[in-house]
Amino acid sequence: MQPPTTAQIRTAVEVLKKLGERLNERATHSLIQLPDTQLGDHSAGRIEVRAIEQVTQIRTVTAQLEQWGDELLQQGR
């Protein structure tokens, strides 16, 4: 299997960053629409936790891709 090019890795990183932004925007939108009730507060907590977990996973993968890209650049030199 051939490794990706650094351009492909950069593109993947940008896509993941946009995905993280989208997840945050969707979570914010969902929070705004929740009723101000105990159930709404409970749902808000779950939405926030899920968004944080997803964005954290995206950041982890993004960092791994960036490291891989750096390694490929160093190998090419």
C-alpha atoms as a PDB file:
ATOM      1  CA  MET A   1       0.000   0.000   0.000  1.00  0.00           C
ATOM      2  CA  GLN A   2       1.324   3.385  -0.982  1.00  0.00           C
ATOM      3  CA  PRO A   3       1.384   6.105   1.715  1.00  0.00           C
ATOM      4  CA  PRO A   4      -0.703   9.222   1.104  1.00  0.00           C
ATOM      5  CA  THR A   5       0.913  12.373  -0.173  1.00  0.00           C
ATOM      6  CA  THR A   6       1.410  15.288   2.187  1.00  0.00           C
ATOM      7  CA  ALA A   7      -1.230  17.174   0.188  1.00  0.00           C
ATOM      8  CA  GLN A   8      -3.726  14.383   0.812  1.00  0.00           C
ATOM      9  CA  ILE A   9      -2.919  14.441   4.516  1.00  0.00           C
ATOM     10  CA  ARG A  10      -3.363  18.230   4.635  1.00  0.00           C
ATOM     11  CA  THR A  11      -6.730  17.851   2.915  1.00  0.00           C
ATOM     12  CA  ALA A  12      -7.806  15.183   5.397  1.00  0.00           C
ATOM     13  CA  VAL A  13      -6.769  17.429   8.302  1.00  0.00           C
ATOM     14  CA  GLU A  14      -8.790  20.330   6.898  1.00  0.00           C
ATOM     15  CA  VAL A  15     -11.835  18.096   6.409  1.00  0.00           C
ATOM     16  CA  LEU A  16     -11.585  16.855   9.985  1.00  0.00           C
ATOM     17  CA  LYS A  17     -11.277  20.408  11.317  1.00  0.00           C
ATOM     18  CA  LYS A  18     -14.400  21.405   9.367  1.00  0.00           C
ATOM     19  CA  LEU A  19     -16.199  18.356  10.757  1.00  0.00           C
ATOM     20  CA  GLY A  20     -15.297  19.428  14.295  1.00  0.00           C
ATOM     21  CA  GLU A  21     -16.633  22.917  13.604  1.00  0.00           C
ATOM     22  CA  ARG A  22     -19.842  21.464  12.195  1.00  0.00           C
ATOM     23  CA  LEU A  23     -20.334  19.236  15.240  1.00  0.00           C
ATOM     24  CA  ASN A  24     -19.925  22.228  17.538  1.00  0.00           C
ATOM     25  CA  GLU A  25     -22.363  24.288  15.484  1.00  0.00           C
ATOM     26  CA  ARG A  26     -24.960  21.512  15.478  1.00  0.00           C
ATOM     27  CA  ALA A  27     -24.600  21.035  19.230  1.00  0.00           C
ATOM     28  CA  THR A  28     -25.026  24.769  19.816  1.00  0.00           C
ATOM     29  CA  HIS A  29     -28.093  24.850  17.579  1.00  0.00           C
ATOM     30  CA  SER A  30     -29.591  21.874  19.425  1.00  0.00           C
ATOM     31  CA  LEU A  31     -28.959  23.506  22.801  1.00  0.00           C
ATOM     32  CA  ILE A  32     -30.703  26.699  21.738  1.00  0.00           C
ATOM     33  CA  GLN A  33     -33.829  24.763  20.773  1.00  0.00           C
ATOM     34  CA  LEU A  34     -34.155  22.830  24.035  1.00  0.00           C
ATOM     35  CA  PRO A  35     -36.870  23.861  26.484  1.00  0.00           C
ATOM     36  CA  ASP A  36     -35.866  25.408  29.789  1.00  0.00           C
ATOM     37  CA  THR A  37     -36.915  22.404  31.847  1.00  0.00           C
ATOM     38  CA  GLN A  38     -35.219  19.710  33.890  1.00  0.00           C
ATOM     39  CA  LEU A  39     -35.458  17.322  30.938  1.00  0.00           C
ATOM     40  CA  GLY A  40     -34.072  20.021  28.632  1.00  0.00           C
ATOM     41  CA  ASP A  41     -31.162  20.569  31.015  1.00  0.00           C
ATOM     42  CA  HIS A  42     -30.475  16.826  31.108  1.00  0.00           C
ATOM     43  CA  SER A  43     -30.552  16.635  27.309  1.00  0.00           C
ATOM     44  CA  ALA A  44     -28.257  19.663  27.077  1.00  0.00           C
ATOM     45  CA  GLY A  45     -25.709  17.932  29.256  1.00  0.00           C
ATOM     46  CA  ARG A  46     -25.761  14.837  27.096  1.00  0.00           C
ATOM     47  CA  ILE A  47     -25.444  16.878  23.898  1.00  0.00           C
ATOM     48  CA  GLU A  48     -22.482  18.804  25.308  1.00  0.00           C
ATOM     49  CA  VAL A  49     -20.702  15.665  26.497  1.00  0.00           C
ATOM     50  CA  ARG A  50     -21.220  13.925  23.147  1.00  0.00           C
ATOM     51  CA  ALA A  51     -19.952  16.960  21.214  1.00  0.00           C
ATOM     52  CA  ILE A  52     -16.869  17.223  23.436  1.00  0.00           C
ATOM     53  CA  GLU A  53     -16.106  13.514  23.013  1.00  0.00           C
ATOM     54  CA  GLN A  54     -16.497  13.659  19.243  1.00  0.00           C
ATOM     55  CA  VAL A  55     -14.386  16.791  18.850  1.00  0.00           C
ATOM     56  CA  THR A  56     -11.712  15.304  21.114  1.00  0.00           C
ATOM     57  CA  GLN A  57     -11.559  12.189  18.933  1.00  0.00           C
ATOM     58  CA  ILE A  58     -11.324  14.332  15.808  1.00  0.00           C
ATOM     59  CA  ARG A  59      -8.476  16.360  17.328  1.00  0.00           C
ATOM     60  CA  THR A  60      -6.633  13.161  18.248  1.00  0.00           C
ATOM     61  CA  VAL A  61      -6.873  11.812  14.701  1.00  0.00           C
ATOM     62  CA  THR A  62      -5.945  15.220  13.285  1.00  0.00           C
ATOM     63  CA  ALA A  63      -2.805  15.323  15.425  1.00  0.00           C
ATOM     64  CA  GLN A  64      -1.869  11.811  14.301  1.00  0.00           C
ATOM     65  CA  LEU A  65      -2.333  12.761  10.654  1.00  0.00           C
ATOM     66  CA  GLU A  66      -0.254  15.912  11.093  1.00  0.00           C
ATOM     67  CA  GLN A  67       2.513  13.859  12.694  1.00  0.00           C
ATOM     68  CA  TRP A  68       2.374  11.368   9.835  1.00  0.00           C
ATOM     69  CA  GLY A  69       2.574  14.225   7.342  1.00  0.00           C
ATOM     70  CA  ASP A  70       5.627  15.619   9.141  1.00  0.00           C
ATOM     71  CA  GLU A  71       7.273  12.189   9.026  1.00  0.00           C
ATOM     72  CA  LEU A  72       6.588  11.904   5.296  1.00  0.00           C
ATOM     73  CA  LEU A  73       8.074  15.341   4.712  1.00  0.00           C
ATOM     74  CA  GLN A  74      11.228  14.402   6.631  1.00  0.00           C
ATOM     75  CA  GLN A  75      11.557  11.147   4.699  1.00  0.00           C
ATOM     76  CA  GLY A  76      11.329  13.058   1.439  1.00  0.00           C
ATOM     77  CA  ARG A  77      14.219  15.349   2.354  1.00  0.00           C
END
